[in-house]
Amino acid sequence: DFIPLDISFRLENFILQYPSAELIASKDVSNLINTGAFIVRRSAWSEQFLIKWLAMRLKPEAINDQSGFDLLFNRYLDNVDRHKIAVLLSHEFNSAAPAMSQQLPSHKV
C-alpha cells in the first residue's frame, strides 16, 4: 500500500517535521485517514490509542478500521489527543485515489 517513487524519500523527514505527533498518516478519500500506511511513535499514549482504536471494531457504526479511526477521533478524543495526530495531504504519505489518474510528478509516493 506504500511505494516510494522518489529515491530521496525518507520516513525520518516526517518524524522531524512533526515532532509532537504520536501518529502520522495521510488523508483518505472517504475517511479521515488512510490506514494502509502510517507512522506510530512508540509511547504510552500511542499504545493506549491503538488499544482504543482496536476496541472500535465492536461498535456497530465502525464497519472497518478506517471508520473505526474516524469514530474514535471524532467522538472520543479531546483536542489535546487530536493534536497528537498529524493528518497529511493524501499524496504526502500515500497516493491520492485513484492513483492512476491523481498521481503527479511532484508526488513522492
N, C-alpha and C. Protein backbone atom coordinates (compact mmCIF):
# COMPACT_ATOMS: atom_id res chain seq x y z
N ASP A 1 0.82 -1.20 0.00
CA ASP A 1 0.00 0.00 0.00
C ASP A 1 0.86 1.26 0.00
N PHE A 2 2.16 1.10 0.07
CA PHE A 2 3.07 2.24 0.18
C PHE A 2 4.29 1.98 -0.69
N ILE A 3 4.45 2.76 -1.75
CA ILE A 3 5.59 2.61 -2.65
C ILE A 3 6.24 3.97 -2.86
N PRO A 4 7.43 4.20 -2.29
CA PRO A 4 8.13 5.47 -2.55
C PRO A 4 8.54 5.55 -4.01
N LEU A 5 8.25 6.66 -4.66
CA LEU A 5 8.62 6.87 -6.05
C LEU A 5 9.86 7.74 -6.17
N ASP A 6 10.14 8.49 -5.14
CA ASP A 6 11.29 9.39 -5.10
C ASP A 6 12.36 8.73 -4.24
N ILE A 7 13.54 8.45 -4.81
CA ILE A 7 14.57 7.73 -4.05
C ILE A 7 15.13 8.54 -2.90
N SER A 8 14.86 9.84 -2.87
CA SER A 8 15.33 10.66 -1.75
C SER A 8 14.32 10.67 -0.59
N PHE A 9 13.19 9.99 -0.76
CA PHE A 9 12.15 9.94 0.27
C PHE A 9 12.69 9.27 1.53
N ARG A 10 12.48 9.91 2.69
CA ARG A 10 12.93 9.36 3.97
C ARG A 10 11.82 9.51 5.00
N LEU A 11 11.48 8.40 5.67
CA LEU A 11 10.48 8.44 6.74
C LEU A 11 10.89 9.39 7.85
N GLU A 12 12.18 9.47 8.11
CA GLU A 12 12.69 10.33 9.18
C GLU A 12 12.26 11.79 8.99
N ASN A 13 12.09 12.20 7.75
CA ASN A 13 11.68 13.59 7.49
C ASN A 13 10.31 13.89 8.09
N PHE A 14 9.40 12.93 8.03
CA PHE A 14 8.08 13.13 8.62
C PHE A 14 8.18 13.24 10.13
N ILE A 15 8.99 12.40 10.70
CA ILE A 15 9.14 12.40 12.16
C ILE A 15 9.74 13.73 12.62
N LEU A 16 10.71 14.23 11.89
CA LEU A 16 11.32 15.52 12.23
C LEU A 16 10.38 16.69 11.98
N GLN A 17 9.58 16.57 10.94
CA GLN A 17 8.65 17.64 10.58
C GLN A 17 7.48 17.76 11.57
N TYR A 18 7.12 16.66 12.21
CA TYR A 18 6.00 16.63 13.16
C TYR A 18 6.48 16.08 14.50
N PRO A 19 7.32 16.82 15.21
CA PRO A 19 7.94 16.28 16.44
C PRO A 19 6.96 15.98 17.57
N SER A 20 5.80 16.61 17.59
CA SER A 20 4.85 16.35 18.67
C SER A 20 3.81 15.30 18.29
N ALA A 21 3.86 14.81 17.06
CA ALA A 21 2.88 13.82 16.60
C ALA A 21 3.23 12.43 17.14
N GLU A 22 2.21 11.76 17.61
CA GLU A 22 2.36 10.37 18.04
C GLU A 22 1.95 9.43 16.92
N LEU A 23 1.13 9.93 16.00
CA LEU A 23 0.68 9.15 14.85
C LEU A 23 0.66 10.08 13.64
N ILE A 24 1.25 9.62 12.54
CA ILE A 24 1.29 10.39 11.30
C ILE A 24 0.68 9.54 10.20
N ALA A 25 -0.30 10.11 9.49
CA ALA A 25 -0.97 9.37 8.42
C ALA A 25 -1.43 10.35 7.34
N SER A 26 -1.82 9.81 6.21
CA SER A 26 -2.34 10.62 5.11
C SER A 26 -3.85 10.65 5.12
N LYS A 27 -4.38 11.75 4.64
CA LYS A 27 -5.83 11.91 4.46
C LYS A 27 -6.31 10.86 3.47
N ASP A 28 -7.52 10.39 3.69
CA ASP A 28 -8.14 9.42 2.79
C ASP A 28 -9.21 10.10 1.95
N VAL A 29 -9.61 9.46 0.88
CA VAL A 29 -10.66 9.99 0.02
C VAL A 29 -11.99 10.08 0.75
N SER A 30 -12.35 9.03 1.49
CA SER A 30 -13.66 8.99 2.13
C SER A 30 -13.63 8.99 3.65
N ASN A 31 -12.47 8.78 4.24
CA ASN A 31 -12.35 8.77 5.69
C ASN A 31 -11.29 9.77 6.12
N LEU A 32 -11.14 9.92 7.42
CA LEU A 32 -10.15 10.87 7.93
C LEU A 32 -8.74 10.50 7.49
N ILE A 33 -8.35 9.24 7.70
CA ILE A 33 -7.01 8.83 7.28
C ILE A 33 -7.08 7.55 6.46
N ASN A 34 -6.02 7.31 5.70
CA ASN A 34 -5.83 6.05 5.02
C ASN A 34 -5.01 5.18 5.95
N THR A 35 -5.57 4.08 6.40
CA THR A 35 -4.89 3.23 7.38
C THR A 35 -3.97 2.20 6.73
N GLY A 36 -3.76 2.31 5.43
CA GLY A 36 -2.87 1.38 4.75
C GLY A 36 -1.42 1.57 5.13
N ALA A 37 -1.04 2.78 5.49
CA ALA A 37 0.33 3.07 5.91
C ALA A 37 0.30 4.28 6.84
N PHE A 38 0.91 4.14 7.99
CA PHE A 38 1.01 5.25 8.93
C PHE A 38 2.21 5.02 9.84
N ILE A 39 2.65 6.08 10.49
CA ILE A 39 3.79 6.02 11.41
C ILE A 39 3.26 6.22 12.82
N VAL A 40 3.68 5.36 13.74
CA VAL A 40 3.29 5.48 15.14
C VAL A 40 4.55 5.58 15.99
N ARG A 41 4.61 6.61 16.81
CA ARG A 41 5.72 6.76 17.76
C ARG A 41 5.49 5.77 18.91
N ARG A 42 6.51 5.11 19.34
CA ARG A 42 6.38 4.17 20.46
C ARG A 42 6.30 4.97 21.76
N SER A 43 5.11 4.95 22.37
CA SER A 43 4.90 5.70 23.61
C SER A 43 3.69 5.11 24.34
N ALA A 44 3.52 5.50 25.58
CA ALA A 44 2.35 5.06 26.36
C ALA A 44 1.08 5.58 25.71
N TRP A 45 1.10 6.84 25.23
CA TRP A 45 -0.08 7.42 24.60
C TRP A 45 -0.48 6.60 23.36
N SER A 46 0.48 6.31 22.49
CA SER A 46 0.14 5.60 21.26
C SER A 46 -0.30 4.17 21.55
N GLU A 47 0.26 3.54 22.56
CA GLU A 47 -0.18 2.20 22.93
C GLU A 47 -1.65 2.23 23.36
N GLN A 48 -2.02 3.19 24.19
CA GLN A 48 -3.41 3.32 24.63
C GLN A 48 -4.32 3.68 23.46
N PHE A 49 -3.84 4.53 22.57
CA PHE A 49 -4.63 4.90 21.39
C PHE A 49 -4.91 3.67 20.53
N LEU A 50 -3.90 2.86 20.29
CA LEU A 50 -4.09 1.66 19.46
C LEU A 50 -5.05 0.67 20.11
N ILE A 51 -5.01 0.56 21.43
CA ILE A 51 -5.96 -0.30 22.14
C ILE A 51 -7.38 0.22 21.96
N LYS A 52 -7.56 1.54 22.09
CA LYS A 52 -8.89 2.14 21.91
C LYS A 52 -9.36 1.98 20.47
N TRP A 53 -8.45 2.16 19.53
CA TRP A 53 -8.80 2.03 18.12
C TRP A 53 -9.24 0.60 17.83
N LEU A 54 -8.52 -0.37 18.35
CA LEU A 54 -8.89 -1.77 18.17
C LEU A 54 -10.28 -2.05 18.75
N ALA A 55 -10.59 -1.43 19.88
CA ALA A 55 -11.90 -1.62 20.51
C ALA A 55 -13.04 -1.05 19.66
N MET A 56 -12.75 -0.13 18.78
CA MET A 56 -13.79 0.47 17.93
C MET A 56 -14.44 -0.56 17.01
N ARG A 57 -13.74 -1.68 16.76
CA ARG A 57 -14.30 -2.70 15.87
C ARG A 57 -15.58 -3.31 16.44
N LEU A 58 -15.80 -3.14 17.74
CA LEU A 58 -17.01 -3.67 18.38
C LEU A 58 -18.20 -2.72 18.25
N LYS A 59 -17.96 -1.51 17.78
CA LYS A 59 -19.04 -0.54 17.60
C LYS A 59 -19.74 -0.82 16.27
N PRO A 60 -21.06 -0.88 16.28
CA PRO A 60 -21.78 -1.21 15.03
C PRO A 60 -21.57 -0.19 13.92
N GLU A 61 -21.29 1.06 14.25
CA GLU A 61 -21.11 2.07 13.22
C GLU A 61 -19.70 2.08 12.62
N ALA A 62 -18.79 1.29 13.18
CA ALA A 62 -17.43 1.18 12.64
C ALA A 62 -17.36 -0.06 11.76
N ILE A 63 -17.50 0.13 10.47
CA ILE A 63 -17.57 -1.01 9.56
C ILE A 63 -16.18 -1.53 9.13
N ASN A 64 -15.15 -0.74 9.36
CA ASN A 64 -13.78 -1.17 9.04
C ASN A 64 -12.80 -0.36 9.89
N ASP A 65 -11.51 -0.61 9.71
CA ASP A 65 -10.52 0.07 10.53
C ASP A 65 -10.51 1.58 10.31
N GLN A 66 -10.75 2.01 9.08
CA GLN A 66 -10.75 3.45 8.81
C GLN A 66 -11.95 4.14 9.46
N SER A 67 -13.12 3.55 9.36
CA SER A 67 -14.27 4.17 10.01
C SER A 67 -14.15 4.08 11.52
N GLY A 68 -13.50 3.03 12.03
CA GLY A 68 -13.22 2.95 13.47
C GLY A 68 -12.31 4.06 13.93
N PHE A 69 -11.31 4.39 13.12
CA PHE A 69 -10.43 5.51 13.43
C PHE A 69 -11.22 6.80 13.47
N ASP A 70 -12.05 7.02 12.45
CA ASP A 70 -12.88 8.23 12.40
C ASP A 70 -13.77 8.35 13.64
N LEU A 71 -14.40 7.26 14.02
CA LEU A 71 -15.27 7.25 15.18
C LEU A 71 -14.50 7.62 16.44
N LEU A 72 -13.35 7.01 16.63
CA LEU A 72 -12.53 7.31 17.80
C LEU A 72 -12.09 8.77 17.79
N PHE A 73 -11.60 9.25 16.67
CA PHE A 73 -11.10 10.62 16.56
C PHE A 73 -12.20 11.63 16.80
N ASN A 74 -13.34 11.44 16.15
CA ASN A 74 -14.41 12.45 16.19
C ASN A 74 -15.27 12.41 17.45
N ARG A 75 -15.44 11.24 18.06
CA ARG A 75 -16.34 11.14 19.20
C ARG A 75 -15.66 11.00 20.56
N TYR A 76 -14.48 10.40 20.57
CA TYR A 76 -13.92 10.00 21.85
C TYR A 76 -12.60 10.70 22.22
N LEU A 77 -12.00 11.41 21.31
CA LEU A 77 -10.74 12.09 21.63
C LEU A 77 -11.00 13.56 21.93
N ASP A 78 -10.27 14.09 22.90
CA ASP A 78 -10.36 15.53 23.15
C ASP A 78 -9.34 16.25 22.27
N ASN A 79 -9.34 17.57 22.32
CA ASN A 79 -8.46 18.36 21.45
C ASN A 79 -6.99 18.09 21.72
N VAL A 80 -6.63 17.82 22.96
CA VAL A 80 -5.23 17.53 23.27
C VAL A 80 -4.79 16.27 22.55
N ASP A 81 -5.61 15.23 22.61
CA ASP A 81 -5.28 13.98 21.93
C ASP A 81 -5.31 14.14 20.42
N ARG A 82 -6.24 14.89 19.89
CA ARG A 82 -6.31 15.10 18.44
C ARG A 82 -5.05 15.78 17.91
N HIS A 83 -4.45 16.64 18.71
CA HIS A 83 -3.23 17.33 18.27
C HIS A 83 -2.01 16.41 18.25
N LYS A 84 -2.16 15.21 18.75
CA LYS A 84 -1.06 14.24 18.71
C LYS A 84 -1.08 13.43 17.42
N ILE A 85 -2.07 13.71 16.57
CA ILE A 85 -2.22 13.01 15.30
C ILE A 85 -2.04 14.00 14.16
N ALA A 86 -1.06 13.73 13.31
CA ALA A 86 -0.81 14.58 12.14
C ALA A 86 -1.45 13.93 10.92
N VAL A 87 -2.39 14.62 10.31
CA VAL A 87 -3.05 14.12 9.09
C VAL A 87 -2.50 14.92 7.92
N LEU A 88 -1.75 14.25 7.07
CA LEU A 88 -1.10 14.88 5.93
C LEU A 88 -2.01 14.87 4.71
N LEU A 89 -1.66 15.64 3.71
CA LEU A 89 -2.39 15.57 2.44
C LEU A 89 -2.29 14.15 1.90
N SER A 90 -3.29 13.73 1.15
CA SER A 90 -3.38 12.33 0.73
C SER A 90 -2.15 11.86 -0.04
N HIS A 91 -1.51 12.71 -0.80
CA HIS A 91 -0.37 12.28 -1.61
C HIS A 91 0.98 12.34 -0.87
N GLU A 92 1.00 12.88 0.35
CA GLU A 92 2.28 13.03 1.04
C GLU A 92 2.84 11.73 1.59
N PHE A 93 1.96 10.84 2.02
CA PHE A 93 2.43 9.59 2.62
C PHE A 93 1.67 8.39 2.07
N ASN A 94 0.91 8.62 1.02
CA ASN A 94 0.17 7.59 0.34
C ASN A 94 -0.23 8.18 -1.00
N SER A 95 -0.98 7.49 -1.80
CA SER A 95 -1.40 8.07 -3.06
C SER A 95 -2.83 8.55 -2.97
N ALA A 96 -3.11 9.59 -3.72
CA ALA A 96 -4.47 10.11 -3.80
C ALA A 96 -5.25 9.21 -4.76
N ALA A 97 -6.33 8.64 -4.27
CA ALA A 97 -7.10 7.68 -5.09
C ALA A 97 -7.97 8.39 -6.11
N PRO A 98 -8.15 7.80 -7.26
CA PRO A 98 -7.40 6.67 -7.79
C PRO A 98 -6.02 7.12 -8.27
N ALA A 99 -5.01 6.41 -7.87
CA ALA A 99 -3.62 6.83 -8.11
C ALA A 99 -3.31 6.97 -9.60
N MET A 100 -3.90 6.12 -10.42
CA MET A 100 -3.58 6.17 -11.85
C MET A 100 -3.96 7.51 -12.48
N SER A 101 -4.97 8.18 -11.95
CA SER A 101 -5.36 9.46 -12.53
C SER A 101 -4.97 10.66 -11.66
N GLN A 102 -4.63 10.42 -10.41
CA GLN A 102 -4.31 11.51 -9.48
C GLN A 102 -2.82 11.75 -9.29
N GLN A 103 -1.99 10.78 -9.65
CA GLN A 103 -0.56 10.88 -9.41
C GLN A 103 0.06 12.00 -10.23
N LEU A 104 0.82 12.86 -9.56
CA LEU A 104 1.53 13.95 -10.22
C LEU A 104 3.03 13.71 -10.13
N PRO A 105 3.82 14.28 -11.01
CA PRO A 105 5.28 14.09 -10.95
C PRO A 105 5.89 14.56 -9.62
N SER A 106 5.26 15.50 -8.95
CA SER A 106 5.81 16.01 -7.69
C SER A 106 5.50 15.12 -6.48
N HIS A 107 4.63 14.14 -6.64
CA HIS A 107 4.28 13.24 -5.52
C HIS A 107 5.41 12.24 -5.29
N LYS A 108 5.80 12.10 -4.04
CA LYS A 108 6.93 11.23 -3.69
C LYS A 108 6.53 9.78 -3.49
N VAL A 109 5.25 9.51 -3.18
CA VAL A 109 4.78 8.13 -3.00
C VAL A 109 3.55 7.89 -3.84
